Amino acid sequence: MDDLERIGAESVAYFRALDENATLRRHFHHADEEDGLWYIEAVPDRGEWVVIKQAELTSAGRLHRYGWEHPEDEHGGLTDRAIDPEEDPLETISAEEFQRVWTR
């Protein structure tokens, strides 16, 4: 296994562990400059909110989902930066609203 494969495997393992062991989850959405909507599920880790799932609903109605099971594709990928709900332009949503989009 080369370094990139090892790093990728470690990243997937990290996000999977966060997802499977989370006892607290928060959900958000925001609109981007191209009228797309982003839906985010985040969990706390080491004092930060780490995005473990994100879904983009494009203005054309396409849905792109990213999480540990599918971290990236030709359209984008799971963010690797923590979010700050107090600073980032995010609106809190319910877990049910997030799930409606995620499972669409």
Protein backbone atom coordinates (compact mmCIF):
# COMPACT_ATOMS: atom_id res chain seq x y z
CA MET A 1 0.00 0.00 0.00
CA ASP A 2 1.47 3.35 -0.99
CA ASP A 3 1.24 6.51 1.12
CA LEU A 4 -1.83 7.91 -0.67
CA GLU A 5 -3.75 4.66 -0.26
CA ARG A 6 -2.77 4.50 3.42
CA ILE A 7 -3.84 8.10 4.02
CA GLY A 8 -7.13 7.46 2.22
CA ALA A 9 -7.79 4.33 4.28
CA GLU A 10 -6.98 6.17 7.52
CA SER A 11 -9.31 9.03 6.55
CA VAL A 12 -12.18 6.65 5.80
CA ALA A 13 -11.57 4.83 9.11
CA TYR A 14 -11.61 8.16 11.00
CA PHE A 15 -14.92 9.35 9.49
CA ARG A 16 -16.47 5.91 9.88
CA ALA A 17 -15.55 5.78 13.58
CA LEU A 18 -16.99 9.26 14.13
CA ASP A 19 -20.22 8.28 12.39
CA GLU A 20 -20.64 4.94 14.15
CA ASN A 21 -19.76 6.22 17.64
CA ALA A 22 -21.42 9.64 17.66
CA THR A 23 -23.74 10.37 20.55
CA LEU A 24 -24.40 13.95 19.47
CA ARG A 25 -25.14 15.10 15.94
CA ARG A 26 -26.06 18.50 14.54
CA HIS A 27 -27.58 19.24 11.15
CA PHE A 28 -27.31 22.33 8.99
CA HIS A 29 -27.92 23.64 5.52
CA HIS A 30 -26.86 26.62 3.47
CA ALA A 31 -27.16 27.92 -0.07
CA ASP A 32 -24.13 28.43 -2.28
CA GLU A 33 -23.45 31.09 -4.92
CA GLU A 34 -24.89 28.87 -7.67
CA ASP A 35 -28.26 28.36 -5.93
CA GLY A 36 -27.29 24.89 -4.76
CA LEU A 37 -28.28 23.74 -1.27
CA TRP A 38 -25.83 21.99 1.03
CA TYR A 39 -27.01 19.72 3.85
CA ILE A 40 -24.52 18.81 6.57
CA GLU A 41 -24.37 16.35 9.45
CA ALA A 42 -21.61 17.13 11.93
CA VAL A 43 -20.35 15.59 15.16
CA PRO A 44 -18.02 16.97 17.84
CA ASP A 45 -14.43 15.78 17.89
CA ARG A 46 -11.58 17.35 19.85
CA GLY A 47 -13.41 20.64 20.33
CA GLU A 48 -14.50 21.01 16.70
CA TRP A 49 -17.56 20.14 14.64
CA VAL A 50 -16.48 17.62 12.01
CA VAL A 51 -18.65 17.07 8.95
CA ILE A 52 -19.33 13.34 8.57
CA LYS A 53 -22.02 13.55 5.89
CA GLN A 54 -22.84 16.20 3.35
CA ALA A 55 -25.29 16.35 0.50
CA GLU A 56 -25.42 18.90 -2.28
CA LEU A 57 -28.71 19.47 -4.06
CA THR A 58 -27.75 21.41 -7.19
CA SER A 59 -29.91 24.08 -8.77
CA ALA A 60 -30.53 21.54 -11.57
CA GLY A 61 -31.99 19.11 -9.01
CA ARG A 62 -29.05 16.66 -8.91
CA LEU A 63 -28.10 15.21 -5.54
CA HIS A 64 -24.50 14.42 -4.62
CA ARG A 65 -23.86 12.66 -1.28
CA TYR A 66 -20.56 12.27 0.55
CA GLY A 67 -19.64 10.38 3.71
CA TRP A 68 -17.18 7.71 4.78
CA GLU A 69 -18.75 5.16 2.43
CA HIS A 70 -18.44 7.51 -0.57
CA PRO A 71 -15.95 10.26 0.29
CA GLU A 72 -15.51 11.74 -3.20
CA ASP A 73 -16.35 11.51 -6.87
CA GLU A 74 -15.97 13.59 -10.03
CA HIS A 75 -18.41 16.22 -8.66
CA GLY A 76 -16.74 16.85 -5.32
CA GLY A 77 -16.11 15.31 -1.95
CA LEU A 78 -16.59 15.36 1.79
CA THR A 79 -15.08 18.49 3.26
CA ASP A 80 -11.95 18.04 5.32
CA ARG A 81 -12.40 21.24 7.29
CA ALA A 82 -14.29 21.56 10.55
CA ILE A 83 -17.26 23.90 10.67
CA ASP A 84 -18.01 26.61 13.18
CA PRO A 85 -21.78 26.99 13.54
CA GLU A 86 -21.26 30.38 15.18
CA GLU A 87 -19.10 31.76 12.33
CA ASP A 88 -20.06 29.85 9.16
CA PRO A 89 -23.21 30.85 7.23
CA LEU A 90 -25.21 27.80 8.33
CA GLU A 91 -28.83 27.37 9.33
CA THR A 92 -29.70 24.67 11.86
CA ILE A 93 -32.18 22.08 10.59
CA SER A 94 -33.77 19.01 12.11
CA ALA A 95 -32.31 15.53 11.80
CA GLU A 96 -35.49 14.57 9.96
CA GLU A 97 -35.01 17.28 7.34
CA PHE A 98 -31.42 16.16 6.80
CA GLN A 99 -32.53 12.52 6.45
CA ARG A 100 -35.24 13.43 3.92
CA VAL A 101 -32.56 14.86 1.64
CA TRP A 102 -29.89 12.25 2.45
CA THR A 103 -32.16 9.31 1.64
CA ARG A 104 -33.80 10.89 -1.41
